[in-house]
PDB file of N, CA and C in Angstrom:
ATOM      1  N   UNK A   1     122.463  92.972  77.636  1.00  0.00           N
ATOM      2  CA  UNK A   1     121.360  93.859  77.330  1.00  0.00           C
ATOM      3  C   UNK A   1     121.684  95.305  77.670  1.00  0.00           C
ATOM      4  N   UNK A   2     122.879  95.594  78.103  1.00  0.00           N
ATOM      5  CA  UNK A   2     123.213  96.949  78.509  1.00  0.00           C
ATOM      6  C   UNK A   2     122.929  97.937  77.388  1.00  0.00           C
ATOM      7  N   UNK A   3     122.123  98.951  77.697  1.00  0.00           N
ATOM      8  CA  UNK A   3     121.801  99.983  76.737  1.00  0.00           C
ATOM      9  C   UNK A   3     120.682  99.643  75.778  1.00  0.00           C
ATOM     10  N   UNK A   4     120.174  98.442  75.827  1.00  0.00           N
ATOM     11  CA  UNK A   4     119.106  98.036  74.922  1.00  0.00           C
ATOM     12  C   UNK A   4     117.761  98.530  75.438  1.00  0.00           C
ATOM     13  N   UNK A   5     116.978  99.166  74.568  1.00  0.00           N
ATOM     14  CA  UNK A   5     115.654  99.671  74.932  1.00  0.00           C
ATOM     15  C   UNK A   5     114.665  98.517  74.915  1.00  0.00           C
ATOM     16  N   UNK A   6     114.090  98.238  76.071  1.00  0.00           N
ATOM     17  CA  UNK A   6     113.158  97.123  76.182  1.00  0.00           C
ATOM     18  C   UNK A   6     111.719  97.568  76.365  1.00  0.00           C
ATOM     19  N   UNK A   7     111.494  98.855  76.595  1.00  0.00           N
ATOM     20  CA  UNK A   7     110.133  99.343  76.780  1.00  0.00           C
ATOM     21  C   UNK A   7     110.083 100.486  77.768  1.00  0.00           C
ATOM     22  N   UNK A   8     108.887 100.870  78.106  1.00  0.00           N
ATOM     23  CA  UNK A   8     108.661 101.992  79.010  1.00  0.00           C
ATOM     24  C   UNK A   8     108.194 101.500  80.376  1.00  0.00           C
ATOM     25  N   UNK A   9     108.523 102.274  81.377  1.00  0.00           N
ATOM     26  CA  UNK A   9     107.997 102.063  82.722  1.00  0.00           C
ATOM     27  C   UNK A   9     107.176 103.295  83.055  1.00  0.00           C
ATOM     28  N   UNK A  10     105.951 103.086  83.465  1.00  0.00           N
ATOM     29  CA  UNK A  10     105.060 104.191  83.816  1.00  0.00           C
ATOM     30  C   UNK A  10     104.927 104.234  85.331  1.00  0.00           C
ATOM     31  N   UNK A  11     105.169 105.398  85.903  1.00  0.00           N
ATOM     32  CA  UNK A  11     105.070 105.581  87.348  1.00  0.00           C
ATOM     33  C   UNK A  11     103.838 106.403  87.673  1.00  0.00           C
ATOM     34  N   UNK A  12     103.199 106.083  88.778  1.00  0.00           N
ATOM     35  CA  UNK A  12     102.069 106.865  89.258  1.00  0.00           C
ATOM     36  C   UNK A  12     102.412 107.356  90.653  1.00  0.00           C
ATOM     37  N   UNK A  13     102.288 108.651  90.861  1.00  0.00           N
ATOM     38  CA  UNK A  13     102.620 109.252  92.144  1.00  0.00           C
ATOM     39  C   UNK A  13     101.360 109.571  92.932  1.00  0.00           C
ATOM     40  N   UNK A  14     101.496 109.551  94.250  1.00  0.00           N
ATOM     41  CA  UNK A  14     100.395 109.866  95.156  1.00  0.00           C
ATOM     42  C   UNK A  14     100.839 110.969  96.119  1.00  0.00           C
ATOM     43  N   UNK A  15     100.885 112.215  95.639  1.00  0.00           N
ATOM     44  CA  UNK A  15     101.357 113.304  96.493  1.00  0.00           C
ATOM     45  C   UNK A  15     100.453 113.569  97.692  1.00  0.00           C
ATOM     46  N   UNK A  16      99.204 113.153  97.611  1.00  0.00           N
ATOM     47  CA  UNK A  16      98.306 113.327  98.755  1.00  0.00           C
ATOM     48  C   UNK A  16      98.634 112.341  99.878  1.00  0.00           C
ATOM     49  N   UNK A  17      99.294 111.244  99.554  1.00  0.00           N
ATOM     50  CA  UNK A  17      99.643 110.222 100.538  1.00  0.00           C
ATOM     51  C   UNK A  17     101.103 110.365 100.995  1.00  0.00           C
ATOM     52  N   UNK A  18     101.993 110.654 100.062  1.00  0.00           N
ATOM     53  CA  UNK A  18     103.427 110.720 100.371  1.00  0.00           C
ATOM     54  C   UNK A  18     104.074 111.918  99.675  1.00  0.00           C
ATOM     55  N   UNK A  19     103.690 113.134 100.050  1.00  0.00           N
ATOM     56  CA  UNK A  19     104.180 114.321  99.338  1.00  0.00           C
ATOM     57  C   UNK A  19     105.696 114.482  99.377  1.00  0.00           C
ATOM     58  N   UNK A  20     106.324 114.162 100.480  1.00  0.00           N
ATOM     59  CA  UNK A  20     107.777 114.338 100.577  1.00  0.00           C
ATOM     60  C   UNK A  20     108.533 113.335  99.721  1.00  0.00           C
ATOM     61  N   UNK A  21     108.030 112.114  99.616  1.00  0.00           N
ATOM     62  CA  UNK A  21     108.671 111.110  98.767  1.00  0.00           C
ATOM     63  C   UNK A  21     108.509 111.461  97.290  1.00  0.00           C
ATOM     64  N   UNK A  22     107.356 111.971  96.922  1.00  0.00           N
ATOM     65  CA  UNK A  22     107.132 112.389  95.532  1.00  0.00           C
ATOM     66  C   UNK A  22     108.078 113.533  95.184  1.00  0.00           C
ATOM     67  N   UNK A  23     108.153 114.542  96.040  1.00  0.00           N
ATOM     68  CA  UNK A  23     109.049 115.685  95.794  1.00  0.00           C
ATOM     69  C   UNK A  23     110.500 115.229  95.704  1.00  0.00           C
ATOM     70  N   UNK A  24     110.901 114.335  96.591  1.00  0.00           N
ATOM     71  CA  UNK A  24     112.273 113.843  96.598  1.00  0.00           C
ATOM     72  C   UNK A  24     112.598 113.095  95.307  1.00  0.00           C
ATOM     73  N   UNK A  25     111.702 112.212  94.870  1.00  0.00           N
ATOM     74  CA  UNK A  25     111.945 111.447  93.648  1.00  0.00           C
ATOM     75  C   UNK A  25     112.064 112.379  92.444  1.00  0.00           C
ATOM     76  N   UNK A  26     111.143 113.320  92.321  1.00  0.00           N
ATOM     77  CA  UNK A  26     111.165 114.249  91.186  1.00  0.00           C
ATOM     78  C   UNK A  26     112.440 115.092  91.204  1.00  0.00           C
ATOM     79  N   UNK A  27     112.851 115.549  92.384  1.00  0.00           N
ATOM     80  CA  UNK A  27     114.085 116.333  92.511  1.00  0.00           C
ATOM     81  C   UNK A  27     115.289 115.519  92.049  1.00  0.00           C
ATOM     82  N   UNK A  28     115.376 114.267  92.483  1.00  0.00           N
ATOM     83  CA  UNK A  28     116.495 113.416  92.077  1.00  0.00           C
ATOM     84  C   UNK A  28     116.494 113.171  90.569  1.00  0.00           C
ATOM     85  N   UNK A  29     115.328 112.989  89.981  1.00  0.00           N
ATOM     86  CA  UNK A  29     115.237 112.819  88.524  1.00  0.00           C
ATOM     87  C   UNK A  29     115.736 114.077  87.825  1.00  0.00           C
ATOM     88  N   UNK A  30     115.275 115.241  88.271  1.00  0.00           N
ATOM     89  CA  UNK A  30     115.680 116.506  87.652  1.00  0.00           C
ATOM     90  C   UNK A  30     117.186 116.733  87.770  1.00  0.00           C
ATOM     91  N   UNK A  31     117.775 116.247  88.852  1.00  0.00           N
ATOM     92  CA  UNK A  31     119.227 116.370  89.056  1.00  0.00           C
ATOM     93  C   UNK A  31     120.006 115.278  88.324  1.00  0.00           C
ATOM     94  N   UNK A  32     119.292 114.401  87.611  1.00  0.00           N
ATOM     95  CA  UNK A  32     119.884 113.292  86.850  1.00  0.00           C
ATOM     96  C   UNK A  32     120.593 112.266  87.754  1.00  0.00           C
ATOM     97  N   UNK A  33     120.140 112.170  88.991  1.00  0.00           N
ATOM     98  CA  UNK A  33     120.714 111.228  89.955  1.00  0.00           C
ATOM     99  C   UNK A  33     120.637 109.790  89.450  1.00  0.00           C
ATOM    100  N   UNK A  34     119.557 109.435  88.800  1.00  0.00           N
ATOM    101  CA  UNK A  34     119.341 108.050  88.364  1.00  0.00           C
ATOM    102  C   UNK A  34     119.970 107.728  87.013  1.00  0.00           C
ATOM    103  N   UNK A  35     120.451 108.739  86.292  1.00  0.00           N
ATOM    104  CA  UNK A  35     121.034 108.495  84.973  1.00  0.00           C
ATOM    105  C   UNK A  35     122.202 107.516  85.077  1.00  0.00           C
ATOM    106  N   UNK A  36     122.173 106.490  84.260  1.00  0.00           N
ATOM    107  CA  UNK A  36     123.249 105.511  84.211  1.00  0.00           C
ATOM    108  C   UNK A  36     123.162 104.410  85.251  1.00  0.00           C
ATOM    109  N   UNK A  37     122.127 104.454  86.105  1.00  0.00           N
ATOM    110  CA  UNK A  37     121.974 103.386  87.092  1.00  0.00           C
ATOM    111  C   UNK A  37     121.250 102.201  86.458  1.00  0.00           C
ATOM    112  N   UNK A  38     121.322 101.066  87.124  1.00  0.00           N
ATOM    113  CA  UNK A  38     120.699  99.852  86.592  1.00  0.00           C
ATOM    114  C   UNK A  38     119.653  99.318  87.565  1.00  0.00           C
ATOM    115  N   UNK A  39     118.908  98.326  87.107  1.00  0.00           N
ATOM    116  CA  UNK A  39     118.060  97.553  88.007  1.00  0.00           C
ATOM    117  C   UNK A  39     118.971  96.481  88.595  1.00  0.00           C
ATOM    118  N   UNK A  40     119.300  96.611  89.874  1.00  0.00           N
ATOM    119  CA  UNK A  40     120.262  95.709  90.495  1.00  0.00           C
ATOM    120  C   UNK A  40     119.608  94.483  91.119  1.00  0.00           C
ATOM    121  N   UNK A  41     118.291  94.495  91.247  1.00  0.00           N
ATOM    122  CA  UNK A  41     117.581  93.328  91.797  1.00  0.00           C
ATOM    123  C   UNK A  41     116.297  93.137  91.009  1.00  0.00           C
ATOM    124  N   UNK A  42     116.104  91.942  90.491  1.00  0.00           N
ATOM    125  CA  UNK A  42     114.916  91.623  89.703  1.00  0.00           C
ATOM    126  C   UNK A  42     114.350  90.295  90.197  1.00  0.00           C
ATOM    127  N   UNK A  43     113.078  90.317  90.567  1.00  0.00           N
ATOM    128  CA  UNK A  43     112.354  89.090  90.904  1.00  0.00           C
ATOM    129  C   UNK A  43     111.199  89.007  89.908  1.00  0.00           C
ATOM    130  N   UNK A  44     111.342  88.177  88.861  1.00  0.00           N
ATOM    131  CA  UNK A  44     110.344  88.125  87.792  1.00  0.00           C
ATOM    132  C   UNK A  44     108.920  87.931  88.320  1.00  0.00           C
ATOM    133  N   UNK A  45     108.011  88.715  87.771  1.00  0.00           N
ATOM    134  CA  UNK A  45     106.609  88.638  88.139  1.00  0.00           C
ATOM    135  C   UNK A  45     106.280  89.287  89.464  1.00  0.00           C
ATOM    136  N   UNK A  46     107.284  89.887  90.128  1.00  0.00           N
ATOM    137  CA  UNK A  46     107.037  90.472  91.448  1.00  0.00           C
ATOM    138  C   UNK A  46     107.524  91.910  91.555  1.00  0.00           C
ATOM    139  N   UNK A  47     108.832  92.140  91.407  1.00  0.00           N
ATOM    140  CA  UNK A  47     109.338  93.490  91.600  1.00  0.00           C
ATOM    141  C   UNK A  47     110.722  93.670  91.007  1.00  0.00           C
ATOM    142  N   UNK A  48     111.091  94.957  90.897  1.00  0.00           N
ATOM    143  CA  UNK A  48     112.441  95.338  90.501  1.00  0.00           C
ATOM    144  C   UNK A  48     112.924  96.411  91.469  1.00  0.00           C
ATOM    145  N   UNK A  49     114.225  96.476  91.669  1.00  0.00           N
ATOM    146  CA  UNK A  49     114.831  97.549  92.449  1.00  0.00           C
ATOM    147  C   UNK A  49     115.957  98.145  91.626  1.00  0.00           C
ATOM    148  N   UNK A  50     116.041  99.449  91.640  1.00  0.00           N
ATOM    149  CA  UNK A  50     117.087 100.114  90.886  1.00  0.00           C
ATOM    150  C   UNK A  50     117.306 101.525  91.377  1.00  0.00           C
ATOM    151  N   UNK A  51     118.187 102.224  90.676  1.00  0.00           N
ATOM    152  CA  UNK A  51     118.448 103.615  90.998  1.00  0.00           C
ATOM    153  C   UNK A  51     119.607 103.838  91.943  1.00  0.00           C
ATOM    154  N   UNK A  52     120.309 102.779  92.313  1.00  0.00           N
ATOM    155  CA  UNK A  52     121.441 102.911  93.220  1.00  0.00           C
ATOM    156  C   UNK A  52     122.647 103.445  92.451  1.00  0.00           C
ATOM    157  N   UNK A  53     123.256 104.553  92.915  1.00  0.00           N
ATOM    158  CA  UNK A  53     124.427 105.067  92.203  1.00  0.00           C
ATOM    159  C   UNK A  53     125.592 104.075  92.196  1.00  0.00           C
ATOM    160  N   UNK A  54     125.639 103.160  93.165  1.00  0.00           N
ATOM    161  CA  UNK A  54     126.699 102.146  93.169  1.00  0.00           C
ATOM    162  C   UNK A  54     126.589 101.201  91.979  1.00  0.00           C
ATOM    163  N   UNK A  55     125.414 101.129  91.360  1.00  0.00           N
ATOM    164  CA  UNK A  55     125.252 100.234  90.210  1.00  0.00           C
ATOM    165  C   UNK A  55     125.994 100.745  88.977  1.00  0.00           C
ATOM    166  N   UNK A  56     126.578 101.932  89.078  1.00  0.00           N
ATOM    167  CA  UNK A  56     127.387 102.464  87.976  1.00  0.00           C
ATOM    168  C   UNK A  56     128.802 101.887  87.996  1.00  0.00           C
ATOM    169  N   UNK A  57     129.177 101.206  89.089  1.00  0.00           N
ATOM    170  CA  UNK A  57     130.514 100.619  89.153  1.00  0.00           C
ATOM    171  C   UNK A  57     130.432  99.105  88.963  1.00  0.00           C
ATOM    172  N   UNK A  58     131.574  98.490  88.756  1.00  0.00           N
ATOM    173  CA  UNK A  58     131.583  97.059  88.418  1.00  0.00           C
ATOM    174  C   UNK A  58     131.513  96.135  89.634  1.00  0.00           C
ATOM    175  N   UNK A  59     131.673  96.657  90.842  1.00  0.00           N
ATOM    176  CA  UNK A  59     131.638  95.820  92.041  1.00  0.00           C
ATOM    177  C   UNK A  59     130.196  95.559  92.449  1.00  0.00           C
ATOM    178  N   UNK A  60     129.638  94.457  91.960  1.00  0.00           N
ATOM    179  CA  UNK A  60     128.225  94.144  92.206  1.00  0.00           C
ATOM    180  C   UNK A  60     127.917  93.943  93.687  1.00  0.00           C
ATOM    181  N   UNK A  61     128.918  93.684  94.507  1.00  0.00           N
ATOM    182  CA  UNK A  61     128.687  93.514  95.944  1.00  0.00           C
ATOM    183  C   UNK A  61     128.183  94.799  96.589  1.00  0.00           C
ATOM    184  N   UNK A  62     128.427  95.940  95.946  1.00  0.00           N
ATOM    185  CA  UNK A  62     127.986  97.227  96.500  1.00  0.00           C
ATOM    186  C   UNK A  62     126.646  97.684  95.939  1.00  0.00           C
ATOM    187  N   UNK A  63     126.152  97.002  94.918  1.00  0.00           N
ATOM    188  CA  UNK A  63     124.881  97.401  94.303  1.00  0.00           C
ATOM    189  C   UNK A  63     123.748  97.198  95.302  1.00  0.00           C
ATOM    190  N   UNK A  64     122.915  98.215  95.444  1.00  0.00           N
ATOM    191  CA  UNK A  64     121.813  98.161  96.398  1.00  0.00           C
ATOM    192  C   UNK A  64     122.167  98.746  97.753  1.00  0.00           C
ATOM    193  N   UNK A  65     123.392  99.221  97.898  1.00  0.00           N
ATOM    194  CA  UNK A  65     123.851  99.750  99.183  1.00  0.00           C
ATOM    195  C   UNK A  65     124.016 101.270  99.174  1.00  0.00           C
ATOM    196  N   UNK A  66     123.878 101.898  98.018  1.00  0.00           N
ATOM    197  CA  UNK A  66     124.109 103.339  97.917  1.00  0.00           C
ATOM    198  C   UNK A  66     122.829 104.134  98.043  1.00  0.00           C
ATOM    199  N   UNK A  67     122.954 105.421  97.885  1.00  0.00           N
ATOM    200  CA  UNK A  67     121.793 106.296  97.961  1.00  0.00           C
ATOM    201  C   UNK A  67     122.201 107.735  97.751  1.00  0.00           C
ATOM    202  N   UNK A  68     121.255 108.658  97.886  1.00  0.00           N
ATOM    203  CA  UNK A  68     121.537 110.067  97.617  1.00  0.00           C
ATOM    204  C   UNK A  68     122.231 110.800  98.765  1.00  0.00           C
ATOM    205  N   UNK A  69     122.415 110.133  99.907  1.00  0.00           N
ATOM    206  CA  UNK A  69     123.080 110.787 101.025  1.00  0.00           C
ATOM    207  C   UNK A  69     122.131 111.448 102.010  1.00  0.00           C
ATOM    208  N   UNK A  70     120.851 111.237 101.816  1.00  0.00           N
ATOM    209  CA  UNK A  70     119.858 111.763 102.761  1.00  0.00           C
ATOM    210  C   UNK A  70     118.694 110.787 102.862  1.00  0.00           C
ATOM    211  N   UNK A  71     117.900 110.952 103.894  1.00  0.00           N
ATOM    212  CA  UNK A  71     116.718 110.107 104.096  1.00  0.00           C
ATOM    213  C   UNK A  71     115.477 110.981 104.090  1.00  0.00           C
ATOM    214  N   UNK A  72     114.362 110.379 103.716  1.00  0.00           N
ATOM    215  CA  UNK A  72     113.066 111.058 103.745  1.00  0.00           C
ATOM    216  C   UNK A  72     112.250 110.401 104.849  1.00  0.00           C
ATOM    217  N   UNK A  73     111.689 111.219 105.713  1.00  0.00           N
ATOM    218  CA  UNK A  73     110.894 110.701 106.829  1.00  0.00           C
ATOM    219  C   UNK A  73     109.730 109.858 106.296  1.00  0.00           C
ATOM    220  N   UNK A  74     109.482 108.732 106.961  1.00  0.00           N
ATOM    221  CA  UNK A  74     108.415 107.814 106.553  1.00  0.00           C
ATOM    222  C   UNK A  74     107.062 108.521 106.513  1.00  0.00           C
ATOM    223  N   UNK A  75     106.273 108.196 105.495  1.00  0.00           N
ATOM    224  CA  UNK A  75     104.921 108.737 105.332  1.00  0.00           C
ATOM    225  C   UNK A  75     103.968 107.552 105.224  1.00  0.00           C
ATOM    226  N   UNK A  76     103.401 107.156 106.346  1.00  0.00           N
ATOM    227  CA  UNK A  76     102.520 105.996 106.380  1.00  0.00           C
ATOM    228  C   UNK A  76     101.063 106.414 106.266  1.00  0.00           C
ATOM    229  N   UNK A  77     100.268 105.536 105.675  1.00  0.00           N
ATOM    230  CA  UNK A  77      98.836 105.764 105.534  1.00  0.00           C
ATOM    231  C   UNK A  77      98.128 104.434 105.784  1.00  0.00           C
ATOM    232  N   UNK A  78      96.985 104.498 106.448  1.00  0.00           N
ATOM    233  CA  UNK A  78      96.257 103.242 106.674  1.00  0.00           C
ATOM    234  C   UNK A  78      94.857 103.333 106.113  1.00  0.00           C
TER     235      UNK A  78
END
């Protein structure tokens, strides 16, 4: 299925709850950080994980272990 268009994913952001995470995600998108990455973990009916730059290489053992090289401080809400 590589490269096959299967549909759209719609994201909803909550900048009032997690402003730093929203800013970070948008910045990474604008920098094309996620371009060419895959969904490296799929649990049908529950969740997907993707966006790891390691997913651009063929060594699947490294998929899910990469990142942008920085962390964003946790923003918890109750």
